[in-house]
Amino acid sequence: MTYTPENLAELHVLMIYKSASNLDGIKIHKDADPEVIAAAQRLFDGGFITQSDGGYLTTLGSEAADHAHSLYDLLNVYREI
């Protein structure tokens, strides 16, 4: 099993959120990379974010963003040593 390009784009969007709180929202502009725009739409359709162009994380999105940030930290811990 591998991540698809679509999965990676969705992870990228989740990583844009600085924290998994409901206090920080994002806006993906119309001139953004088409893959990012499509990823945001899929995350919205899946109930991870509140707007098709970003908005805020839902409860599900907050959990997913937490996991995305944790995985990033785990994969990059050796680079900081």
N, C-alpha and C. Protein backbone atom coordinates (compact mmCIF):
# COMPACT_ATOMS: atom_id res chain seq x y z
N MET A 1 0.85 -1.18 0.00
CA MET A 1 0.00 0.00 0.00
C MET A 1 0.89 1.24 0.00
N THR A 2 0.56 2.19 -0.84
CA THR A 2 1.32 3.44 -0.91
C THR A 2 0.36 4.62 -0.92
N TYR A 3 0.90 5.77 -0.56
CA TYR A 3 0.11 6.99 -0.68
C TYR A 3 -0.05 7.33 -2.16
N THR A 4 -1.24 7.74 -2.53
CA THR A 4 -1.48 8.21 -3.89
C THR A 4 -1.10 9.68 -3.97
N PRO A 5 -0.92 10.20 -5.17
CA PRO A 5 -0.67 11.64 -5.30
C PRO A 5 -1.80 12.46 -4.66
N GLU A 6 -3.02 11.95 -4.74
CA GLU A 6 -4.15 12.66 -4.12
C GLU A 6 -4.02 12.67 -2.60
N ASN A 7 -3.61 11.52 -2.01
CA ASN A 7 -3.38 11.47 -0.56
C ASN A 7 -2.33 12.48 -0.14
N LEU A 8 -1.23 12.55 -0.90
CA LEU A 8 -0.15 13.46 -0.56
C LEU A 8 -0.60 14.92 -0.63
N ALA A 9 -1.42 15.23 -1.62
CA ALA A 9 -1.96 16.59 -1.73
C ALA A 9 -2.87 16.91 -0.55
N GLU A 10 -3.67 15.93 -0.13
CA GLU A 10 -4.55 16.14 1.03
C GLU A 10 -3.73 16.32 2.30
N LEU A 11 -2.68 15.52 2.46
CA LEU A 11 -1.80 15.69 3.62
C LEU A 11 -1.16 17.07 3.60
N HIS A 12 -0.77 17.52 2.41
CA HIS A 12 -0.18 18.86 2.29
C HIS A 12 -1.17 19.92 2.79
N VAL A 13 -2.41 19.81 2.39
CA VAL A 13 -3.42 20.79 2.83
C VAL A 13 -3.59 20.72 4.35
N LEU A 14 -3.67 19.52 4.90
CA LEU A 14 -3.81 19.39 6.36
C LEU A 14 -2.60 19.99 7.09
N MET A 15 -1.41 19.88 6.49
CA MET A 15 -0.21 20.42 7.12
C MET A 15 -0.18 21.96 7.09
N ILE A 16 -0.97 22.56 6.21
CA ILE A 16 -1.03 24.02 6.15
C ILE A 16 -1.63 24.58 7.45
N TYR A 17 -2.54 23.83 8.03
CA TYR A 17 -3.14 24.26 9.30
C TYR A 17 -2.06 24.20 10.37
N LYS A 18 -1.79 25.32 11.00
CA LYS A 18 -0.71 25.41 11.99
C LYS A 18 -1.00 24.62 13.25
N SER A 19 -2.24 24.56 13.61
CA SER A 19 -2.63 23.77 14.78
C SER A 19 -3.95 23.10 14.47
N ALA A 20 -4.27 22.13 15.24
CA ALA A 20 -5.51 21.40 15.01
C ALA A 20 -6.69 22.03 15.75
N SER A 21 -6.51 23.25 16.23
CA SER A 21 -7.61 23.91 16.92
C SER A 21 -8.60 24.48 15.90
N ASN A 22 -9.74 24.85 16.37
CA ASN A 22 -10.75 25.46 15.51
C ASN A 22 -10.53 26.97 15.38
N LEU A 23 -9.41 27.47 15.89
CA LEU A 23 -9.18 28.90 15.89
C LEU A 23 -8.43 29.38 14.65
N ASP A 24 -7.73 28.48 13.98
CA ASP A 24 -6.92 28.86 12.82
C ASP A 24 -7.53 28.30 11.55
N GLY A 25 -7.97 29.19 10.68
CA GLY A 25 -8.51 28.77 9.40
C GLY A 25 -7.55 29.13 8.28
N ILE A 26 -7.81 28.61 7.09
CA ILE A 26 -7.00 28.93 5.92
C ILE A 26 -7.91 29.29 4.76
N LYS A 27 -7.33 29.93 3.76
CA LYS A 27 -8.04 30.26 2.52
C LYS A 27 -7.17 29.81 1.37
N ILE A 28 -7.69 28.96 0.52
CA ILE A 28 -6.98 28.52 -0.67
C ILE A 28 -7.54 29.33 -1.84
N HIS A 29 -6.68 30.12 -2.43
CA HIS A 29 -7.12 31.04 -3.49
C HIS A 29 -7.33 30.33 -4.82
N LYS A 30 -8.10 30.96 -5.68
CA LYS A 30 -8.44 30.40 -6.99
C LYS A 30 -7.21 30.14 -7.85
N ASP A 31 -6.13 30.90 -7.62
CA ASP A 31 -4.93 30.74 -8.44
C ASP A 31 -3.91 29.78 -7.81
N ALA A 32 -4.33 29.06 -6.78
CA ALA A 32 -3.45 28.06 -6.14
C ALA A 32 -3.25 26.89 -7.10
N ASP A 33 -2.28 26.07 -6.78
CA ASP A 33 -2.00 24.86 -7.56
C ASP A 33 -3.28 24.04 -7.68
N PRO A 34 -3.64 23.61 -8.89
CA PRO A 34 -4.88 22.84 -9.07
C PRO A 34 -4.97 21.60 -8.19
N GLU A 35 -3.84 20.97 -7.90
CA GLU A 35 -3.85 19.79 -7.03
C GLU A 35 -4.26 20.15 -5.61
N VAL A 36 -3.84 21.33 -5.16
CA VAL A 36 -4.21 21.80 -3.82
C VAL A 36 -5.70 22.13 -3.77
N ILE A 37 -6.19 22.78 -4.80
CA ILE A 37 -7.61 23.12 -4.87
C ILE A 37 -8.45 21.84 -4.86
N ALA A 38 -8.04 20.84 -5.65
CA ALA A 38 -8.78 19.58 -5.71
C ALA A 38 -8.70 18.84 -4.37
N ALA A 39 -7.53 18.89 -3.72
CA ALA A 39 -7.38 18.23 -2.41
C ALA A 39 -8.30 18.87 -1.38
N ALA A 40 -8.38 20.19 -1.38
CA ALA A 40 -9.25 20.88 -0.44
C ALA A 40 -10.71 20.49 -0.69
N GLN A 41 -11.08 20.38 -1.94
CA GLN A 41 -12.45 19.97 -2.26
C GLN A 41 -12.72 18.56 -1.73
N ARG A 42 -11.77 17.64 -1.91
CA ARG A 42 -11.97 16.28 -1.40
C ARG A 42 -12.04 16.27 0.12
N LEU A 43 -11.21 17.08 0.78
CA LEU A 43 -11.26 17.16 2.24
C LEU A 43 -12.60 17.73 2.70
N PHE A 44 -13.11 18.72 2.00
CA PHE A 44 -14.42 19.27 2.32
C PHE A 44 -15.51 18.23 2.12
N ASP A 45 -15.46 17.54 0.98
CA ASP A 45 -16.44 16.50 0.69
C ASP A 45 -16.41 15.38 1.73
N GLY A 46 -15.24 15.11 2.28
CA GLY A 46 -15.08 14.06 3.28
C GLY A 46 -15.37 14.51 4.70
N GLY A 47 -15.67 15.80 4.87
CA GLY A 47 -16.01 16.31 6.20
C GLY A 47 -14.82 16.67 7.06
N PHE A 48 -13.67 16.91 6.44
CA PHE A 48 -12.46 17.26 7.20
C PHE A 48 -12.32 18.77 7.41
N ILE A 49 -12.83 19.57 6.47
CA ILE A 49 -12.75 21.03 6.56
C ILE A 49 -14.14 21.62 6.30
N THR A 50 -14.32 22.86 6.75
CA THR A 50 -15.66 23.46 6.71
C THR A 50 -16.02 24.13 5.39
N GLN A 51 -15.03 24.42 4.56
CA GLN A 51 -15.29 25.10 3.29
C GLN A 51 -14.49 24.40 2.19
N SER A 52 -14.98 24.45 0.98
CA SER A 52 -14.28 23.80 -0.13
C SER A 52 -12.96 24.48 -0.46
N ASP A 53 -12.79 25.72 0.00
CA ASP A 53 -11.53 26.44 -0.22
C ASP A 53 -10.75 26.64 1.08
N GLY A 54 -10.97 25.75 2.03
CA GLY A 54 -10.23 25.83 3.30
C GLY A 54 -11.15 25.94 4.48
N GLY A 55 -11.25 27.14 5.00
CA GLY A 55 -12.07 27.34 6.18
C GLY A 55 -11.38 26.79 7.41
N TYR A 56 -12.15 26.13 8.25
CA TYR A 56 -11.64 25.60 9.51
C TYR A 56 -11.69 24.08 9.50
N LEU A 57 -10.91 23.49 10.37
CA LEU A 57 -10.95 22.04 10.52
C LEU A 57 -12.21 21.64 11.27
N THR A 58 -12.82 20.54 10.85
CA THR A 58 -13.89 19.94 11.62
C THR A 58 -13.25 19.07 12.71
N THR A 59 -14.05 18.42 13.51
CA THR A 59 -13.50 17.50 14.52
C THR A 59 -12.69 16.41 13.84
N LEU A 60 -13.21 15.83 12.78
CA LEU A 60 -12.49 14.81 12.03
C LEU A 60 -11.21 15.39 11.42
N GLY A 61 -11.30 16.57 10.87
CA GLY A 61 -10.13 17.23 10.29
C GLY A 61 -9.06 17.55 11.31
N SER A 62 -9.50 17.94 12.49
CA SER A 62 -8.55 18.22 13.57
C SER A 62 -7.77 16.97 13.94
N GLU A 63 -8.47 15.85 14.04
CA GLU A 63 -7.80 14.58 14.35
C GLU A 63 -6.83 14.20 13.22
N ALA A 64 -7.27 14.35 11.98
CA ALA A 64 -6.41 14.02 10.85
C ALA A 64 -5.18 14.92 10.79
N ALA A 65 -5.38 16.22 11.04
CA ALA A 65 -4.24 17.15 11.03
C ALA A 65 -3.26 16.82 12.15
N ASP A 66 -3.77 16.46 13.32
CA ASP A 66 -2.89 16.04 14.42
C ASP A 66 -2.03 14.86 13.99
N HIS A 67 -2.66 13.88 13.36
CA HIS A 67 -1.92 12.69 12.91
C HIS A 67 -0.91 13.06 11.82
N ALA A 68 -1.30 13.94 10.91
CA ALA A 68 -0.40 14.36 9.83
C ALA A 68 0.83 15.05 10.41
N HIS A 69 0.62 15.94 11.37
CA HIS A 69 1.74 16.64 12.00
C HIS A 69 2.61 15.67 12.79
N SER A 70 2.00 14.73 13.48
CA SER A 70 2.77 13.74 14.25
C SER A 70 3.61 12.87 13.33
N LEU A 71 3.03 12.41 12.23
CA LEU A 71 3.77 11.60 11.28
C LEU A 71 4.94 12.38 10.71
N TYR A 72 4.71 13.62 10.36
CA TYR A 72 5.79 14.47 9.84
C TYR A 72 6.92 14.57 10.87
N ASP A 73 6.55 14.83 12.11
CA ASP A 73 7.56 14.95 13.16
C ASP A 73 8.34 13.65 13.33
N LEU A 74 7.65 12.52 13.33
CA LEU A 74 8.32 11.24 13.48
C LEU A 74 9.27 10.95 12.32
N LEU A 75 8.85 11.26 11.11
CA LEU A 75 9.69 11.00 9.95
C LEU A 75 10.88 11.92 9.86
N ASN A 76 10.79 13.08 10.49
CA ASN A 76 11.86 14.07 10.37
C ASN A 76 12.68 14.26 11.63
N VAL A 77 12.43 13.47 12.67
CA VAL A 77 13.13 13.65 13.94
C VAL A 77 14.64 13.45 13.76
N TYR A 78 15.03 12.49 12.95
CA TYR A 78 16.46 12.21 12.79
C TYR A 78 17.18 13.34 12.08
N ARG A 79 16.49 14.14 11.31
CA ARG A 79 17.11 15.25 10.59
C ARG A 79 17.48 16.41 11.51
N GLU A 80 16.85 16.46 12.68
CA GLU A 80 17.10 17.56 13.61
C GLU A 80 18.25 17.25 14.56
N ILE A 81 18.73 16.03 14.54
CA ILE A 81 19.79 15.63 15.48
C ILE A 81 21.14 16.03 14.93
